[in-house]
Structure formats: structure tokens, C-alpha cells
Amino acid sequence: MPVSTAIEHHREVKLTQEEEKVYNLLSFEPVHIDLISKQSGLSINRVSPLLMNLEIKGKIRQVAGKMFLRVPEAQ
């Protein structure tokens, strides 16, 4: 996939309502999964697959210790 197409795809990624809720809790600083669960009001069992989907969609990434952060969007 050409770079320009990849960038356009990144911008067009659609999130479910729950993915959006979780994504909005994240920043460019790592946040632990327990805090994401607590702040979202969703169980760890529900948050885990949402975080995985957000990773697959290229919106976030996981760092050491079950910490997650946003991936900067290409300009």
C-alpha cells in the first residue's frame, strides 16, 4: 500500500462506540489497563479486546506493563 493510501486509511478508520470511549481516555502518555477499565466503567474482560482492536486499527499501541498510549496521526 502506498504511503499516501496508508495515511488516508489511518484517518478513515471507524471506531465503535465502545472503542471511541476507550480511545478518548488515552493520551500520548502510557495509561495502565486497570485505570482504563476503571475510568471507562468497563470490565478488564471487555476493555482487553477493545484495546486489541484499537491496536489492529493503528490507533494505539501497547508498551511494557499493560500500558497503552495513542499513536500520533500522520499530518
Protein backbone atom coordinates (compact mmCIF):
# COMPACT_ATOMS: atom_id res chain seq x y z
CA MET A 1 0.00 0.00 0.00
CA PRO A 2 1.49 3.39 -0.95
CA VAL A 3 2.27 5.73 1.93
CA SER A 4 -0.40 8.26 0.93
CA THR A 5 -3.02 5.49 0.84
CA ALA A 6 -1.89 4.20 4.23
CA ILE A 7 -2.19 7.70 5.71
CA GLU A 8 -5.67 8.16 4.23
CA HIS A 9 -6.70 4.75 5.59
CA HIS A 10 -5.41 5.73 9.06
CA ARG A 11 -7.58 8.85 9.06
CA GLU A 12 -10.68 6.99 7.85
CA VAL A 13 -10.66 4.23 10.48
CA LYS A 14 -14.10 3.95 12.03
CA LEU A 15 -14.41 3.16 15.72
CA THR A 16 -17.30 1.54 17.54
CA GLN A 17 -18.93 3.49 20.35
CA GLU A 18 -17.03 1.47 22.98
CA GLU A 19 -13.72 1.80 21.10
CA GLU A 20 -14.27 5.56 20.93
CA LYS A 21 -14.99 5.66 24.67
CA VAL A 22 -11.74 3.83 25.46
CA TYR A 23 -9.72 5.78 22.86
CA ASN A 24 -10.84 9.09 24.36
CA LEU A 25 -9.38 8.04 27.74
CA LEU A 26 -5.91 7.63 26.23
CA SER A 27 -3.25 10.22 25.56
CA PHE A 28 0.32 10.18 24.29
CA GLU A 29 1.44 9.16 27.78
CA PRO A 30 1.06 5.49 28.81
CA VAL A 31 -2.08 4.57 30.77
CA HIS A 32 -2.43 1.25 32.63
CA ILE A 33 -5.24 -1.11 31.60
CA ASP A 34 -6.64 -1.08 35.17
CA LEU A 35 -7.09 2.69 35.02
CA ILE A 36 -8.66 2.46 31.55
CA SER A 37 -11.12 -0.10 32.91
CA LYS A 38 -11.93 1.99 35.97
CA GLN A 39 -12.37 5.25 34.05
CA SER A 40 -14.45 3.65 31.30
CA GLY A 41 -16.68 1.70 33.67
CA LEU A 42 -15.98 -1.43 31.59
CA SER A 43 -14.54 -4.67 32.92
CA ILE A 44 -10.99 -5.74 32.09
CA ASN A 45 -12.54 -8.61 30.11
CA ARG A 46 -14.37 -6.06 27.93
CA VAL A 47 -11.54 -3.50 27.73
CA SER A 48 -8.89 -6.02 26.60
CA PRO A 49 -10.46 -6.86 23.22
CA LEU A 50 -11.30 -3.19 22.63
CA LEU A 51 -7.66 -2.27 23.16
CA MET A 52 -6.60 -5.08 20.82
CA ASN A 53 -8.98 -3.78 18.13
CA LEU A 54 -7.62 -0.25 18.56
CA GLU A 55 -4.08 -1.63 18.16
CA ILE A 56 -5.07 -3.50 15.00
CA LYS A 57 -6.66 -0.33 13.64
CA GLY A 58 -3.38 1.51 14.28
CA LYS A 59 -4.87 4.00 16.74
CA ILE A 60 -2.94 2.93 19.86
CA ARG A 61 -0.01 0.80 20.90
CA GLN A 62 0.87 -1.20 23.96
CA VAL A 63 4.07 -0.63 25.89
CA ALA A 64 5.55 -2.62 28.78
CA GLY A 65 3.39 -3.49 31.77
CA LYS A 66 -0.08 -3.43 30.16
CA MET A 67 0.25 0.28 29.42
CA PHE A 68 -1.37 1.81 26.34
CA LEU A 69 -0.98 5.11 24.51
CA ARG A 70 -2.26 6.84 21.39
CA VAL A 71 -0.33 6.67 18.14
CA PRO A 72 0.17 10.15 16.65
CA GLU A 73 -1.88 10.58 13.48
CA ALA A 74 0.02 11.45 10.32
CA GLN A 75 -0.39 15.03 9.21
